C-alpha cells in the first residue's frame, strides 16, 4: 500500500522530534472536510510535539497545510491525548491591576 505524502512528511517530522519514534502512529482519514491525520505517540513525548504555548504543534499544522495545498487538499492534524494523562493546568493570566503593580507604575 502506497503511503501518502502528507503521512510520510508528518511521520518524518514527528519521529525526528520524539524520544520514542517506534510509538508514533498516524491514521489518515478523508471526508468531505478534507484529510484528517490523527497522531498517537508515547505520553512522554507529548510535550515535545505540543511545544511551548503549542507553538510546535502550530508549526507542524502550518507545514501540513502547505503540503496539502501542493496536493489540492485541506490537511488537518489531531493529536490524541494519551489515556490516563493528568489534566493540563491552565494558568490564569494576571489582572490589569496585578500587572500594573508588577510594573510599579
Protein backbone atom coordinates (compact mmCIF):
# COMPACT_ATOMS: atom_id res chain seq x y z
CA UNK A 1 0.00 0.00 0.00
CA UNK A 2 1.43 3.38 -1.05
CA UNK A 3 1.68 5.91 1.77
CA UNK A 4 0.50 9.44 1.07
CA UNK A 5 2.99 12.31 1.06
CA UNK A 6 1.29 14.07 3.97
CA UNK A 7 1.62 10.98 6.17
CA UNK A 8 5.26 10.48 5.19
CA UNK A 9 6.02 14.13 5.91
CA UNK A 10 4.31 14.09 9.33
CA UNK A 11 5.97 10.81 10.25
CA UNK A 12 9.41 12.17 9.31
CA UNK A 13 8.99 15.39 11.31
CA UNK A 14 7.45 13.79 14.41
CA UNK A 15 9.92 10.89 14.58
CA UNK A 16 12.79 13.38 14.39
CA UNK A 17 11.41 15.26 17.44
CA UNK A 18 10.45 12.45 19.84
CA UNK A 19 12.46 10.08 22.05
CA UNK A 20 10.24 7.08 21.21
CA UNK A 21 9.84 7.08 17.41
CA UNK A 22 8.62 3.47 17.36
CA UNK A 23 5.50 4.58 19.30
CA UNK A 24 4.45 7.10 16.62
CA UNK A 25 1.21 6.07 14.89
CA UNK A 26 -0.60 8.07 12.22
CA UNK A 27 -4.09 7.33 10.93
CA UNK A 28 -5.23 9.10 7.74
CA UNK A 29 -8.93 9.61 7.02
CA UNK A 30 -10.54 11.50 4.17
CA UNK A 31 -14.02 13.01 4.16
CA UNK A 32 -15.87 16.00 2.68
CA UNK A 33 -13.89 18.32 5.00
CA UNK A 34 -10.53 17.11 3.66
CA UNK A 35 -7.78 14.98 5.11
CA UNK A 36 -7.50 14.33 8.84
CA UNK A 37 -4.25 12.96 10.20
CA UNK A 38 -4.63 11.58 13.72
CA UNK A 39 -1.35 11.32 15.61
CA UNK A 40 -0.79 9.00 18.55
CA UNK A 41 2.51 8.88 20.40
CA UNK A 42 4.19 7.99 23.67
CA UNK A 43 2.82 10.13 26.54
CA UNK A 44 6.39 11.11 27.47
CA UNK A 45 6.76 12.77 24.04
CA UNK A 46 3.60 14.90 24.16
CA UNK A 47 5.45 17.99 25.36
CA UNK A 48 7.95 17.78 22.52
CA UNK A 49 5.21 17.73 19.90
CA UNK A 50 2.94 20.33 21.51
CA UNK A 51 5.82 22.67 22.40
CA UNK A 52 5.73 25.81 24.50
CA UNK A 53 2.35 27.52 24.20
CA UNK A 54 1.50 24.99 21.47
CA UNK A 55 3.99 26.55 19.06
CA UNK A 56 5.50 23.29 17.78
CA UNK A 57 2.05 21.83 17.07
CA UNK A 58 1.01 25.07 15.31
CA UNK A 59 4.14 24.95 13.15
CA UNK A 60 3.53 21.31 12.20
CA UNK A 61 -0.09 22.14 11.31
CA UNK A 62 1.04 25.08 9.16
CA UNK A 63 3.53 22.90 7.28
CA UNK A 64 0.87 20.22 6.76
CA UNK A 65 -1.44 22.84 5.23
CA UNK A 66 1.33 23.75 2.79
CA UNK A 67 1.83 20.07 1.91
CA UNK A 68 -1.95 19.82 1.43
CA UNK A 69 -2.11 22.90 -0.80
CA UNK A 70 0.52 21.33 -3.05
CA UNK A 71 -1.88 18.38 -3.47
CA UNK A 72 -5.09 20.47 -3.57
CA UNK A 73 -6.26 19.05 -0.25
CA UNK A 74 -7.10 20.51 3.14
CA UNK A 75 -4.98 18.70 5.73
CA UNK A 76 -5.74 18.88 9.45
CA UNK A 77 -3.89 17.34 12.37
CA UNK A 78 -5.43 15.87 15.51
CA UNK A 79 -3.09 14.90 18.33
CA UNK A 80 -4.56 12.16 20.51
CA UNK A 81 -4.32 12.79 24.25
CA UNK A 82 -2.78 9.73 25.89
CA UNK A 83 -5.09 7.73 28.16
CA UNK A 84 -4.60 8.39 31.83
CA UNK A 85 -2.79 11.67 31.21
CA UNK A 86 -3.09 14.17 34.03
CA UNK A 87 -5.34 17.12 33.21
CA UNK A 88 -3.42 20.09 31.90
CA UNK A 89 -3.29 23.09 34.17
CA UNK A 90 -4.44 26.31 32.66
CA UNK A 91 -2.62 29.17 34.28
CA UNK A 92 -4.85 32.18 34.74
CA UNK A 93 -3.32 35.37 33.45
CA UNK A 94 -2.86 38.31 35.77
CA UNK A 95 -5.41 41.03 36.11
CA UNK A 96 -4.61 44.51 34.82
CA UNK A 97 -4.13 45.74 38.40
CA UNK A 98 -1.67 42.90 39.18
CA UNK A 99 0.28 43.65 36.01
CA UNK A 100 0.46 47.36 36.82
CA UNK A 101 1.62 46.51 40.34
CA UNK A 102 4.42 44.39 38.84
CA UNK A 103 5.49 47.37 36.73
CA UNK A 104 5.40 49.64 39.78
CA UNK A 105 3.58 52.35 37.84
